[in-house]
Amino acid sequence: MTRRLAQAASALLACAIGGSAGAQSFDVKGYFDLRVGRSDAREDNWLEGGLAKTRFGAGDGGVTGAAAIAADWQPTPSLFASAEVQYVPAARRPLDVIDAWVRWRPVSTTPWRWSAKAGMFFPPVSLENDGVGWTATRTLTPSAIDTWVGEELRVFGVEARLEHRGARGTLAASFALFGKNDPAGELLASRGWALHDVTSGLDGSVREPDAIAPLIGAQAPVRYRPFLELDHRLGAYASLDWRTPADDRAVLTVYDNRADPSREVDYAGRELYAWRTRFWSAGVQRRVGDVVFLAQAMRGGTVIEPEPGLRFDTRFAAAYVLAAWDAGRWQPALRVDAFQTRRSPVPLDEHGHAVTLALAWRPAEHWRLTGELLRVDSVRDQRRLAGLDPRQRELQLQASLRWFY
């Protein structure tokens, strides 16, 4: 199914680039990113099986790159299709589709409007990641919340949405049913939170810490695909979204993948479980003059039950506040994150906080130069398994030159 959907997304992109005389509108946009980064972390980054919280770990750095393309096609006033493809050399599968979906929204002349959406897409959680390729537009590194959403969450299903449009704003209620997200939560349990901008592709895989391999009877490196169906049970989410003409916003989402925590399959020489993952997320956005403020919190839990009465439960929570100047050529941003996990019966808890300071310069319409400083201070008991101090402080510096088209 994933391959067929990816082929459909590629076809959509090809149509968008080639054009069509019968189409009402096509829109193609994207970017190329040239990145330089360096971290003083003592651990390897998560892409290399370490426990570092940032994109770059011990000994990492240098020059890297990335790219993304998004195509939107609207053949009729009611029908809309969208697809996004990314290229990230650091990912296991560098070129991959990250979402592809179609929406039917009949034209309405009343305050009420309904729509239906189908395909593979992100759940309505993020306020930060509103750029091409599901990227953060005010910083280089998204929050801990949105990092995890990009790693392990995707909706393979259908969403129904009902909106009421008034003079003061639009209130929308959404409900979705989905599959293929049963392993979601395993990374929070095995590694904890992280802060980076590597989004999982729909056919890609993520790597767990090498320190976890002996605990699950596996050989490092340990990888798994987060977008799999293991128990043939549908998950669901519900969301409320309020937007004003001034671009103020409030979002509340409740998510439950309804996975069977006792379900497991043989995967790459080890057992891969369906993690029952539930959470709520609430976020607000407020504009005051040229400054935009964002705040978001998430709390939930994920559990597996390998044997009757034997449950491995991880409770997680994270929050951030962000302030950004959103006008002119110079656009500074400041964000503060806090995060924690509580795991039982094996005590591999963590807690930490992070401060992100970014400064973007737009010398021309299609160019953006961004510098970012990210400092993470975290305590994770799991580091003892790797012979490290549970508390680690990491300082990461990045510079990005991005060309948009």
Protein backbone atom coordinates (compact mmCIF):
# COMPACT_ATOMS: atom_id res chain seq x y z
CA MET A 1 0.00 0.00 0.00
CA THR A 2 2.78 2.41 0.89
CA ARG A 3 4.48 1.83 -2.45
CA ARG A 4 1.24 2.41 -4.36
CA LEU A 5 0.60 5.64 -2.47
CA ALA A 6 4.16 6.76 -3.07
CA GLN A 7 3.71 6.08 -6.79
CA ALA A 8 0.52 8.11 -6.74
CA ALA A 9 2.35 10.98 -5.06
CA SER A 10 5.11 10.82 -7.67
CA ALA A 11 2.49 10.88 -10.42
CA LEU A 12 0.92 13.94 -8.85
CA LEU A 13 4.27 15.70 -8.79
CA ALA A 14 4.90 14.79 -12.41
CA CYS A 15 1.50 16.14 -13.40
CA ALA A 16 2.16 19.32 -11.47
CA ILE A 17 5.48 19.88 -13.19
CA GLY A 18 4.20 18.96 -16.63
CA GLY A 19 0.94 20.89 -16.38
CA SER A 20 -2.49 20.12 -17.76
CA ALA A 21 -4.76 22.26 -19.90
CA GLY A 22 -7.89 20.99 -18.16
CA ALA A 23 -6.72 21.75 -14.63
CA GLN A 24 -7.97 24.78 -12.74
CA SER A 25 -4.67 25.35 -10.94
CA PHE A 26 -1.28 23.83 -10.22
CA ASP A 27 1.19 25.06 -7.65
CA VAL A 28 4.69 23.69 -7.28
CA LYS A 29 7.08 24.97 -4.63
CA GLY A 30 10.15 23.71 -2.85
CA TYR A 31 13.59 24.50 -1.51
CA PHE A 32 17.24 23.48 -1.55
CA ASP A 33 19.07 23.70 1.77
CA LEU A 34 22.82 23.90 2.40
CA ARG A 35 23.64 23.28 6.06
CA VAL A 36 26.71 23.57 8.29
CA GLY A 37 26.47 22.22 11.84
CA ARG A 38 28.57 21.34 14.87
CA SER A 39 27.79 19.94 18.32
CA ASP A 40 29.87 19.49 21.47
CA ALA A 41 27.87 16.38 22.47
CA ARG A 42 29.79 13.49 24.02
CA GLU A 43 27.36 10.94 22.55
CA ASP A 44 26.57 9.82 19.03
CA ASN A 45 23.39 11.25 17.57
CA TRP A 46 20.25 9.15 17.28
CA LEU A 47 20.87 8.48 13.57
CA GLU A 48 24.00 6.58 14.61
CA GLY A 49 22.47 4.72 17.55
CA GLY A 50 23.44 7.19 20.26
CA LEU A 51 21.51 9.09 22.90
CA ALA A 52 22.40 12.65 21.91
CA LYS A 53 19.32 14.84 21.74
CA THR A 54 20.35 16.97 18.77
CA ARG A 55 20.77 16.28 15.06
CA PHE A 56 24.57 16.36 15.31
CA GLY A 57 26.40 14.26 17.91
CA ALA A 58 29.98 13.53 18.92
CA GLY A 59 32.32 13.98 15.99
CA ASP A 60 29.52 15.05 13.65
CA GLY A 61 29.41 18.24 11.70
CA GLY A 62 30.56 19.63 8.43
CA VAL A 63 28.43 20.45 5.41
CA THR A 64 25.21 18.67 4.51
CA GLY A 65 22.18 19.41 2.39
CA ALA A 66 18.49 18.70 1.91
CA ALA A 67 15.65 19.48 -0.46
CA ALA A 68 11.88 19.23 -0.65
CA ILE A 69 9.17 19.71 -3.26
CA ALA A 70 5.43 20.15 -2.75
CA ALA A 71 2.77 20.00 -5.45
CA ASP A 72 -0.84 21.13 -5.05
CA TRP A 73 -3.41 20.37 -7.73
CA GLN A 74 -6.97 21.73 -7.80
CA PRO A 75 -8.82 20.39 -10.86
CA THR A 76 -12.21 21.69 -9.64
CA PRO A 77 -13.36 24.17 -6.97
CA SER A 78 -14.26 21.23 -4.72
CA LEU A 79 -11.39 18.80 -5.32
CA PHE A 80 -7.85 19.40 -4.06
CA ALA A 81 -4.79 17.12 -4.02
CA SER A 82 -1.39 17.58 -2.41
CA ALA A 83 1.89 15.68 -2.14
CA GLU A 84 5.33 16.38 -0.68
CA VAL A 85 8.65 14.65 -1.30
CA GLN A 86 11.86 15.25 0.64
CA TYR A 87 15.53 14.51 0.07
CA VAL A 88 17.54 14.14 3.29
CA PRO A 89 20.96 12.45 2.90
CA ALA A 90 21.10 11.68 6.64
CA ALA A 91 17.93 9.56 6.48
CA ARG A 92 17.92 5.79 5.94
CA ARG A 93 15.98 6.33 2.71
CA PRO A 94 17.12 9.77 1.52
CA LEU A 95 14.41 10.32 -1.13
CA ASP A 96 10.92 9.63 0.14
CA VAL A 97 7.33 10.83 0.20
CA ILE A 98 6.29 12.44 3.48
CA ASP A 99 2.59 12.96 2.72
CA ALA A 100 0.08 12.62 -0.13
CA TRP A 101 -3.66 13.19 0.12
CA VAL A 102 -6.84 14.35 -1.61
CA ARG A 103 -9.63 16.50 -0.18
CA TRP A 104 -13.24 16.91 -1.27
CA ARG A 105 -14.78 20.17 -0.03
CA PRO A 106 -18.01 21.21 -1.77
CA VAL A 107 -18.49 24.92 -2.35
CA SER A 108 -20.70 26.40 0.38
CA THR A 109 -22.56 29.71 0.40
CA THR A 110 -23.53 29.40 4.07
CA PRO A 111 -21.39 29.74 7.23
CA TRP A 112 -21.23 25.95 7.42
CA ARG A 113 -18.80 23.95 5.31
CA TRP A 114 -17.78 20.29 5.38
CA SER A 115 -14.92 18.37 3.82
CA ALA A 116 -13.46 14.87 3.61
CA LYS A 117 -9.77 14.06 3.32
CA ALA A 118 -8.12 10.75 2.45
CA GLY A 119 -4.55 9.56 2.04
CA MET A 120 -1.49 9.81 4.26
CA PHE A 121 -0.91 13.01 6.19
CA PHE A 122 0.21 14.49 9.49
CA PRO A 123 -2.24 14.62 12.40
CA PRO A 124 -3.34 18.17 13.34
CA VAL A 125 -0.77 18.72 16.08
CA SER A 126 1.93 21.10 14.85
CA LEU A 127 1.78 24.90 14.96
CA GLU A 128 5.47 25.38 14.06
CA ASN A 129 5.88 23.21 10.99
CA ASP A 130 3.96 25.19 8.38
CA GLY A 131 6.67 25.31 5.71
CA VAL A 132 7.36 23.28 2.57
CA GLY A 133 8.28 19.70 3.40
CA TRP A 134 6.69 20.02 6.86
CA THR A 135 9.52 22.24 8.07
CA ALA A 136 9.61 24.80 10.85
CA THR A 137 9.58 28.34 9.44
CA ARG A 138 10.87 30.29 12.46
CA THR A 139 13.76 28.03 13.53
CA LEU A 140 15.86 25.30 11.92
CA THR A 141 15.09 22.79 14.67
CA PRO A 142 11.47 22.13 15.64
CA SER A 143 10.34 21.58 19.22
CA ALA A 144 10.59 18.22 20.96
CA ILE A 145 6.86 17.73 20.32
CA ASP A 146 7.08 18.29 16.58
CA THR A 147 10.31 16.33 16.31
CA TRP A 148 8.48 13.26 17.61
CA VAL A 149 5.46 13.88 15.38
CA GLY A 150 7.78 13.92 12.37
CA GLU A 151 9.55 10.76 13.51
CA GLU A 152 6.69 8.41 14.38
CA LEU A 153 3.26 9.84 13.56
CA ARG A 154 1.43 9.78 10.26
CA VAL A 155 -2.22 9.24 9.38
CA PHE A 156 -3.05 6.58 6.79
CA GLY A 157 -6.80 6.99 6.59
CA VAL A 158 -9.70 9.40 6.24
CA GLU A 159 -10.67 12.60 8.03
CA ALA A 160 -14.08 14.30 8.17
CA ARG A 161 -14.16 18.01 8.98
CA LEU A 162 -17.00 20.43 9.74
CA GLU A 163 -16.42 24.20 9.86
CA HIS A 164 -18.47 27.19 10.95
CA ARG A 165 -17.25 30.51 9.53
CA GLY A 166 -18.17 33.66 11.37
CA ALA A 167 -17.10 37.28 11.54
CA ARG A 168 -14.83 36.63 14.53
CA GLY A 169 -13.24 33.46 13.17
CA THR A 170 -13.66 29.89 11.98
CA LEU A 171 -14.29 26.95 14.30
CA ALA A 172 -13.56 23.51 12.84
CA ALA A 173 -14.12 20.03 14.26
CA SER A 174 -12.33 17.03 12.76
CA PHE A 175 -12.52 13.29 13.28
CA ALA A 176 -10.31 10.68 11.62
CA LEU A 177 -9.89 6.93 11.38
CA PHE A 178 -6.53 5.50 10.39
CA GLY A 179 -4.21 2.48 10.33
CA LYS A 180 -0.52 1.72 9.78
CA ASN A 181 0.77 3.54 12.88
CA ASP A 182 0.96 0.70 15.41
CA PRO A 183 4.69 1.00 16.35
CA ALA A 184 4.28 4.71 17.21
CA GLY A 185 5.58 5.28 20.72
CA GLU A 186 8.47 2.82 20.63
CA LEU A 187 11.02 5.58 20.05
CA LEU A 188 9.78 7.60 23.03
CA ALA A 189 10.08 4.47 25.18
CA SER A 190 13.51 3.36 23.95
CA ARG A 191 15.23 6.71 23.36
CA GLY A 192 13.07 9.48 24.79
CA TRP A 193 12.64 12.93 23.31
CA ALA A 194 14.97 14.59 20.81
CA LEU A 195 15.22 17.86 18.89
CA HIS A 196 16.09 17.67 15.18
CA ASP A 197 14.57 18.26 11.76
CA VAL A 198 14.88 14.82 10.13
CA THR A 199 11.32 13.78 9.25
CA SER A 200 10.59 10.09 8.61
CA GLY A 201 9.56 9.26 5.07
CA LEU A 202 6.60 7.02 4.47
CA ASP A 203 8.78 4.08 3.45
CA GLY A 204 11.70 4.81 5.77
CA SER A 205 12.86 3.46 9.11
CA VAL A 206 14.15 4.91 12.36
CA ARG A 207 17.04 3.73 14.51
CA GLU A 208 16.84 3.00 18.21
CA PRO A 209 19.72 3.49 20.67
CA ASP A 210 22.36 0.77 20.56
CA ALA A 211 22.13 0.66 24.37
CA ILE A 212 18.63 -0.82 24.11
CA ALA A 213 19.73 -3.81 21.97
CA PRO A 214 20.83 -6.10 24.87
CA LEU A 215 17.57 -5.41 26.72
CA ILE A 216 15.46 -6.71 23.84
CA GLY A 217 17.78 -9.53 22.79
CA ALA A 218 18.78 -7.92 19.49
CA GLN A 219 21.98 -7.00 17.71
CA ALA A 220 22.79 -3.37 17.04
CA PRO A 221 21.85 -1.52 14.92
CA VAL A 222 18.15 -1.85 15.81
CA ARG A 223 15.77 -0.32 13.30
CA TYR A 224 12.05 -0.43 12.62
CA ARG A 225 9.51 1.13 10.30
CA PRO A 226 7.07 3.33 12.26
CA PHE A 227 4.30 3.14 9.65
CA LEU A 228 3.14 -0.47 9.86
CA GLU A 229 -0.17 -2.22 10.51
CA LEU A 230 0.25 -5.04 13.05
CA ASP A 231 -3.15 -5.70 14.64
CA HIS A 232 -5.74 -4.66 12.01
CA ARG A 233 -7.42 -2.24 14.39
CA LEU A 234 -8.29 1.32 13.43
CA GLY A 235 -6.95 4.25 15.38
CA ALA A 236 -8.73 7.58 15.76
CA TYR A 237 -8.25 11.22 16.62
CA ALA A 238 -10.54 14.18 17.20
CA SER A 239 -9.56 17.82 16.92
CA LEU A 240 -10.97 21.33 17.47
CA ASP A 241 -9.34 24.25 15.65
CA TRP A 242 -10.20 27.95 16.10
CA ARG A 243 -8.73 30.56 13.73
CA THR A 244 -9.31 34.30 13.54
CA PRO A 245 -8.82 36.72 10.63
CA ALA A 246 -5.80 38.09 12.54
CA ASP A 247 -4.20 34.61 12.31
CA ASP A 248 -4.65 33.84 16.00
CA ARG A 249 -5.27 30.16 16.58
CA ALA A 250 -6.10 27.54 19.22
CA VAL A 251 -5.95 23.78 18.59
CA LEU A 252 -6.90 20.80 20.77
CA THR A 253 -6.26 17.24 19.55
CA VAL A 254 -6.94 13.89 21.24
CA TYR A 255 -5.19 10.89 19.64
CA ASP A 256 -5.46 7.12 20.22
CA ASN A 257 -3.94 4.61 17.81
CA ARG A 258 -5.95 1.86 19.58
CA ALA A 259 -3.13 -0.64 19.05
CA ASP A 260 -3.32 -4.05 20.72
CA PRO A 261 -0.36 -3.90 23.16
CA SER A 262 -0.03 -7.69 23.17
CA ARG A 263 0.34 -7.95 19.41
CA GLU A 264 3.86 -8.64 18.12
CA VAL A 265 5.47 -9.76 14.88
CA ASP A 266 8.90 -11.04 13.92
CA TYR A 267 10.77 -8.12 12.43
CA ALA A 268 14.42 -8.10 11.36
CA GLY A 269 15.36 -10.83 13.82
CA ARG A 270 13.50 -9.50 16.84
CA GLU A 271 9.97 -8.93 18.14
CA LEU A 272 8.26 -5.69 17.11
CA TYR A 273 5.23 -4.76 19.20
CA ALA A 274 2.15 -2.66 18.61
CA TRP A 275 2.39 0.20 21.10
CA ARG A 276 -0.92 1.50 22.46
CA THR A 277 -0.26 5.22 22.25
CA ARG A 278 -2.64 7.89 23.50
CA PHE A 279 -2.11 11.59 24.04
CA TRP A 280 -3.69 15.01 24.04
CA SER A 281 -2.10 18.11 22.57
CA ALA A 282 -3.14 21.74 23.02
CA GLY A 283 -1.60 24.75 21.33
CA VAL A 284 -2.23 28.47 20.88
CA GLN A 285 -0.89 31.09 18.50
CA ARG A 286 -1.22 34.83 19.12
CA ARG A 287 -0.02 37.81 17.11
CA VAL A 288 0.81 41.10 18.79
CA GLY A 289 1.97 43.58 16.19
CA ASP A 290 4.93 42.06 14.36
CA VAL A 291 5.57 39.43 17.03
CA VAL A 292 3.99 35.97 17.00
CA PHE A 293 3.77 33.87 20.16
CA LEU A 294 3.29 30.09 20.12
CA ALA A 295 2.74 27.77 23.07
CA GLN A 296 1.98 24.05 23.06
CA ALA A 297 1.76 21.17 25.50
CA MET A 298 1.40 17.41 25.04
CA ARG A 299 0.81 14.64 27.56
CA GLY A 300 0.18 10.94 27.02
CA GLY A 301 1.37 7.39 27.38
CA THR A 302 2.41 4.34 25.39
CA VAL A 303 2.33 0.72 26.55
CA ILE A 304 3.07 -2.84 25.42
CA GLU A 305 2.10 -6.10 27.13
CA PRO A 306 4.43 -8.91 25.98
CA GLU A 307 2.79 -11.36 28.40
CA PRO A 308 -0.44 -11.21 30.39
CA GLY A 309 0.20 -9.06 33.43
CA LEU A 310 3.62 -7.85 32.21
CA ARG A 311 3.25 -4.29 31.00
CA PHE A 312 5.91 -1.80 29.97
CA ASP A 313 4.42 1.65 30.36
CA THR A 314 5.99 4.96 29.33
CA ARG A 315 4.33 8.22 30.32
CA PHE A 316 5.48 11.26 28.36
CA ALA A 317 5.00 15.01 28.45
CA ALA A 318 6.49 18.00 26.68
CA ALA A 319 5.79 21.70 26.21
CA TYR A 320 7.30 24.78 24.63
CA VAL A 321 6.81 28.53 24.27
CA LEU A 322 8.12 30.46 21.28
CA ALA A 323 8.33 34.14 20.38
CA ALA A 324 9.35 35.30 16.91
CA TRP A 325 9.57 38.57 15.02
CA ASP A 326 7.53 37.98 11.89
CA ALA A 327 8.21 41.02 9.70
CA GLY A 328 11.03 42.55 7.70
CA ARG A 329 14.24 40.96 6.48
CA TRP A 330 15.63 40.13 9.94
CA GLN A 331 13.53 37.63 11.90
CA PRO A 332 14.81 36.49 15.33
CA ALA A 333 13.11 33.71 17.30
CA LEU A 334 13.45 32.30 20.81
CA ARG A 335 11.97 29.02 22.06
CA VAL A 336 12.12 27.22 25.39
CA ASP A 337 11.27 23.48 25.59
CA ALA A 338 10.68 21.17 28.54
CA PHE A 339 10.22 17.40 28.27
CA GLN A 340 10.10 14.24 30.35
CA THR A 341 9.29 10.51 30.26
CA ARG A 342 8.47 8.11 33.09
CA ARG A 343 8.93 4.42 32.36
CA SER A 344 7.93 1.37 34.41
CA PRO A 345 8.78 -1.24 35.50
CA VAL A 346 12.30 -0.65 34.08
CA PRO A 347 13.37 2.80 35.35
CA LEU A 348 14.71 4.52 32.23
CA ASP A 349 13.21 7.92 33.03
CA GLU A 350 14.33 11.22 31.59
CA HIS A 351 13.72 14.92 32.01
CA GLY A 352 15.25 17.95 30.43
CA HIS A 353 14.88 21.35 28.86
CA ALA A 354 16.20 23.17 25.81
CA VAL A 355 16.68 26.73 24.63
CA THR A 356 16.71 27.59 20.92
CA LEU A 357 17.81 30.96 19.54
CA ALA A 358 17.54 31.55 15.79
CA LEU A 359 18.10 34.52 13.52
CA ALA A 360 16.92 34.49 9.91
CA TRP A 361 17.84 37.01 7.23
CA ARG A 362 15.88 37.35 3.99
CA PRO A 363 18.15 39.31 1.60
CA ALA A 364 15.83 38.53 -1.33
CA GLU A 365 12.47 36.92 -1.95
CA HIS A 366 13.84 33.44 -2.70
CA TRP A 367 16.73 33.32 -0.23
CA ARG A 368 16.93 32.80 3.52
CA LEU A 369 20.07 32.60 5.66
CA THR A 370 19.50 31.26 9.19
CA GLY A 371 21.81 30.81 12.14
CA GLU A 372 20.70 28.80 15.16
CA LEU A 373 22.02 28.00 18.62
CA LEU A 374 20.43 25.07 20.47
CA ARG A 375 21.33 24.13 24.04
CA VAL A 376 19.88 20.95 25.57
CA ASP A 377 20.27 19.93 29.22
CA SER A 378 18.86 16.46 29.90
CA VAL A 379 19.02 13.64 32.44
CA ARG A 380 18.34 10.09 31.22
CA ASP A 381 19.07 7.01 33.35
CA GLN A 382 19.58 4.92 30.21
CA ARG A 383 22.94 6.60 29.63
CA ARG A 384 24.38 4.49 32.45
CA LEU A 385 24.03 1.47 30.13
CA ALA A 386 26.48 3.19 27.78
CA GLY A 387 28.87 4.10 30.59
CA LEU A 388 27.95 7.80 30.54
CA ASP A 389 26.84 10.30 33.14
CA PRO A 390 23.00 10.41 33.12
CA ARG A 391 23.14 14.21 32.81
CA GLN A 392 24.44 15.60 29.56
CA ARG A 393 24.60 19.15 28.25
CA GLU A 394 24.74 19.67 24.50
CA LEU A 395 25.39 22.83 22.53
CA GLN A 396 24.68 22.75 18.80
CA LEU A 397 25.35 25.49 16.26
CA GLN A 398 23.89 25.47 12.75
CA ALA A 399 23.88 27.76 9.74
CA SER A 400 21.54 27.23 6.81
CA LEU A 401 21.36 28.80 3.36
CA ARG A 402 18.01 27.99 1.77
CA TRP A 403 16.77 28.81 -1.73
CA PHE A 404 13.02 28.71 -2.30
CA TYR A 405 11.21 28.35 -5.60
